[in-house]
């Protein structure tokens, strides 16, 4: 019998639609948050972090931001997880 495979986390990257984007500041630089990294943790719960680009232009630092507790962002996270689940189940 083979040993079970232990998966510590699964992650997906999701674009934030323009109408749901927001801005936040880090190290005196304002960022527009444009993408989410959503992880499914071993217990089945979801964790999300946001990433974006400096409003002033340029690459800026690769810094994560918390995802605000807004119903429309929670719905995006849930819909993305559902779609990822569907795609994982259909893989060949």
C-alpha atoms as a PDB file:
ATOM      1  CA  UNK A   1       0.000   0.000   0.000  1.00  0.00           C
ATOM      2  CA  UNK A   2       1.348   3.432  -0.950  1.00  0.00           C
ATOM      3  CA  UNK A   3       1.744   6.125   1.658  1.00  0.00           C
ATOM      4  CA  UNK A   4      -0.853   8.904   1.373  1.00  0.00           C
ATOM      5  CA  UNK A   5       0.250  12.109  -0.302  1.00  0.00           C
ATOM      6  CA  UNK A   6       0.387  14.986   2.142  1.00  0.00           C
ATOM      7  CA  UNK A   7      -0.638  18.280   0.549  1.00  0.00           C
ATOM      8  CA  UNK A   8       0.274  21.240   2.714  1.00  0.00           C
ATOM      9  CA  UNK A   9      -1.539  23.888   0.626  1.00  0.00           C
ATOM     10  CA  UNK A  10      -2.923  24.623  -2.832  1.00  0.00           C
ATOM     11  CA  UNK A  11      -2.863  28.105  -4.303  1.00  0.00           C
ATOM     12  CA  UNK A  12      -4.462  29.997  -7.167  1.00  0.00           C
ATOM     13  CA  UNK A  13      -3.875  33.490  -8.523  1.00  0.00           C
ATOM     14  CA  UNK A  14      -6.915  35.547  -9.409  1.00  0.00           C
ATOM     15  CA  UNK A  15      -7.206  38.906 -11.162  1.00  0.00           C
ATOM     16  CA  UNK A  16      -9.314  41.430  -9.265  1.00  0.00           C
ATOM     17  CA  UNK A  17     -11.879  43.002 -11.624  1.00  0.00           C
ATOM     18  CA  UNK A  18     -11.319  46.727 -12.037  1.00  0.00           C
ATOM     19  CA  UNK A  19     -14.513  47.696 -10.209  1.00  0.00           C
ATOM     20  CA  UNK A  20     -13.402  45.720  -7.121  1.00  0.00           C
ATOM     21  CA  UNK A  21      -9.818  47.014  -6.907  1.00  0.00           C
ATOM     22  CA  UNK A  22      -8.734  49.166  -4.002  1.00  0.00           C
ATOM     23  CA  UNK A  23      -5.675  51.100  -2.890  1.00  0.00           C
ATOM     24  CA  UNK A  24      -3.471  50.687   0.143  1.00  0.00           C
ATOM     25  CA  UNK A  25      -0.185  52.183   1.304  1.00  0.00           C
ATOM     26  CA  UNK A  26       3.015  50.454   2.311  1.00  0.00           C
ATOM     27  CA  UNK A  27       6.356  52.107   3.076  1.00  0.00           C
ATOM     28  CA  UNK A  28       4.957  55.507   2.036  1.00  0.00           C
ATOM     29  CA  UNK A  29       4.031  54.154  -1.399  1.00  0.00           C
ATOM     30  CA  UNK A  30       0.435  53.789  -2.622  1.00  0.00           C
ATOM     31  CA  UNK A  31      -0.488  50.554  -4.418  1.00  0.00           C
ATOM     32  CA  UNK A  32      -3.528  49.574  -6.467  1.00  0.00           C
ATOM     33  CA  UNK A  33      -4.357  45.987  -5.551  1.00  0.00           C
ATOM     34  CA  UNK A  34      -4.970  43.989  -8.725  1.00  0.00           C
ATOM     35  CA  UNK A  35      -4.575  40.306  -7.883  1.00  0.00           C
ATOM     36  CA  UNK A  36      -5.245  37.805  -5.126  1.00  0.00           C
ATOM     37  CA  UNK A  37      -3.340  34.722  -4.139  1.00  0.00           C
ATOM     38  CA  UNK A  38      -5.806  32.337  -2.542  1.00  0.00           C
ATOM     39  CA  UNK A  39      -4.560  29.306  -0.643  1.00  0.00           C
ATOM     40  CA  UNK A  40      -6.522  26.326   0.558  1.00  0.00           C
ATOM     41  CA  UNK A  41      -5.027  25.322   3.886  1.00  0.00           C
ATOM     42  CA  UNK A  42      -4.771  21.719   5.133  1.00  0.00           C
ATOM     43  CA  UNK A  43      -7.970  22.115   7.177  1.00  0.00           C
ATOM     44  CA  UNK A  44      -9.902  23.161   4.046  1.00  0.00           C
ATOM     45  CA  UNK A  45     -10.173  26.837   4.960  1.00  0.00           C
ATOM     46  CA  UNK A  46      -9.132  29.610   2.568  1.00  0.00           C
ATOM     47  CA  UNK A  47      -6.562  32.348   3.087  1.00  0.00           C
ATOM     48  CA  UNK A  48      -6.091  35.241   0.670  1.00  0.00           C
ATOM     49  CA  UNK A  49      -3.494  37.966   0.179  1.00  0.00           C
ATOM     50  CA  UNK A  50      -3.597  40.853  -2.282  1.00  0.00           C
ATOM     51  CA  UNK A  51      -0.848  42.146  -4.538  1.00  0.00           C
ATOM     52  CA  UNK A  52      -0.629  45.131  -6.839  1.00  0.00           C
ATOM     53  CA  UNK A  53       1.397  47.835  -8.517  1.00  0.00           C
ATOM     54  CA  UNK A  54       2.507  51.233  -7.291  1.00  0.00           C
ATOM     55  CA  UNK A  55       0.066  53.953  -8.360  1.00  0.00           C
ATOM     56  CA  UNK A  56       3.027  56.188  -9.255  1.00  0.00           C
ATOM     57  CA  UNK A  57       4.284  53.567 -11.725  1.00  0.00           C
ATOM     58  CA  UNK A  58       7.233  51.230 -11.790  1.00  0.00           C
ATOM     59  CA  UNK A  59       7.549  47.762 -10.400  1.00  0.00           C
ATOM     60  CA  UNK A  60       7.736  48.535  -6.725  1.00  0.00           C
ATOM     61  CA  UNK A  61       8.263  45.894  -4.072  1.00  0.00           C
ATOM     62  CA  UNK A  62       6.491  42.545  -4.115  1.00  0.00           C
ATOM     63  CA  UNK A  63       4.539  43.097  -0.925  1.00  0.00           C
ATOM     64  CA  UNK A  64       1.378  41.384   0.216  1.00  0.00           C
ATOM     65  CA  UNK A  65      -1.612  43.245   1.612  1.00  0.00           C
ATOM     66  CA  UNK A  66      -4.568  41.953   3.601  1.00  0.00           C
ATOM     67  CA  UNK A  67      -7.814  41.519   1.700  1.00  0.00           C
ATOM     68  CA  UNK A  68     -10.468  43.852   3.146  1.00  0.00           C
ATOM     69  CA  UNK A  69     -13.541  42.287   4.697  1.00  0.00           C
ATOM     70  CA  UNK A  70     -15.950  43.272   1.916  1.00  0.00           C
ATOM     71  CA  UNK A  71     -18.790  40.996   0.745  1.00  0.00           C
ATOM     72  CA  UNK A  72     -17.916  41.417  -2.948  1.00  0.00           C
ATOM     73  CA  UNK A  73     -14.283  40.376  -2.336  1.00  0.00           C
ATOM     74  CA  UNK A  74     -15.399  37.401  -0.229  1.00  0.00           C
ATOM     75  CA  UNK A  75     -17.676  36.397  -3.126  1.00  0.00           C
ATOM     76  CA  UNK A  76     -14.739  36.673  -5.555  1.00  0.00           C
ATOM     77  CA  UNK A  77     -12.586  34.440  -3.325  1.00  0.00           C
ATOM     78  CA  UNK A  78     -15.399  31.892  -3.030  1.00  0.00           C
ATOM     79  CA  UNK A  79     -16.159  31.895  -6.770  1.00  0.00           C
ATOM     80  CA  UNK A  80     -12.468  31.522  -7.600  1.00  0.00           C
ATOM     81  CA  UNK A  81     -12.128  28.574  -5.207  1.00  0.00           C
ATOM     82  CA  UNK A  82     -15.211  26.931  -6.724  1.00  0.00           C
ATOM     83  CA  UNK A  83     -13.820  27.376 -10.248  1.00  0.00           C
ATOM     84  CA  UNK A  84     -10.411  26.054  -9.211  1.00  0.00           C
ATOM     85  CA  UNK A  85     -12.102  23.030  -7.652  1.00  0.00           C
ATOM     86  CA  UNK A  86     -13.992  22.360 -10.859  1.00  0.00           C
ATOM     87  CA  UNK A  87     -10.798  22.621 -12.916  1.00  0.00           C
ATOM     88  CA  UNK A  88      -8.783  20.415 -10.539  1.00  0.00           C
ATOM     89  CA  UNK A  89     -11.526  17.757 -10.673  1.00  0.00           C
ATOM     90  CA  UNK A  90     -11.547  17.810 -14.487  1.00  0.00           C
ATOM     91  CA  UNK A  91      -7.765  17.603 -14.968  1.00  0.00           C
ATOM     92  CA  UNK A  92      -6.419  14.923 -17.284  1.00  0.00           C
END
